[in-house]
Amino acid sequence: MHISFETITFVVLKCICIMETVKISARGQVTIPYAIRAKMNLKSGDTVAFVEERGKIYVLNTSLSAMQTIRQKMKGKAGSVGFNTPGDVAAYIRNMRKQSQP
């Protein structure tokens, strides 16, 4: 198989990837480089998931992944339970807070 320089350039330009290398400590720990943490919106105390798929390892910000999953599952359901505007949601939250106060 022959891959030309133009093909490689096209793939790299289309991807615009960040690549960093780190050393693994004796305890199996790594420091996630700042550029990666910033791009993934990772903060101290956050958790990440390592997912293997077809021979590649992906690092996921679990809080962002969870929110995306929740959004996908709830898409289109708000109206069916009476939330038609952002004000409806805010009113519901205010009501729930009042009910939970002693």
Foldseek 3Di string as FASTA:
>chain_A
DDDDPVNVVVVCVVVVDDDDDFDQDPVRDTDDDPVVCVVQVHDPPFDWDWDDDPRDTDIHRVVVVVVVVVCVVCPPPCVVVPNPDVVVVVVVVVVVVVVPDD
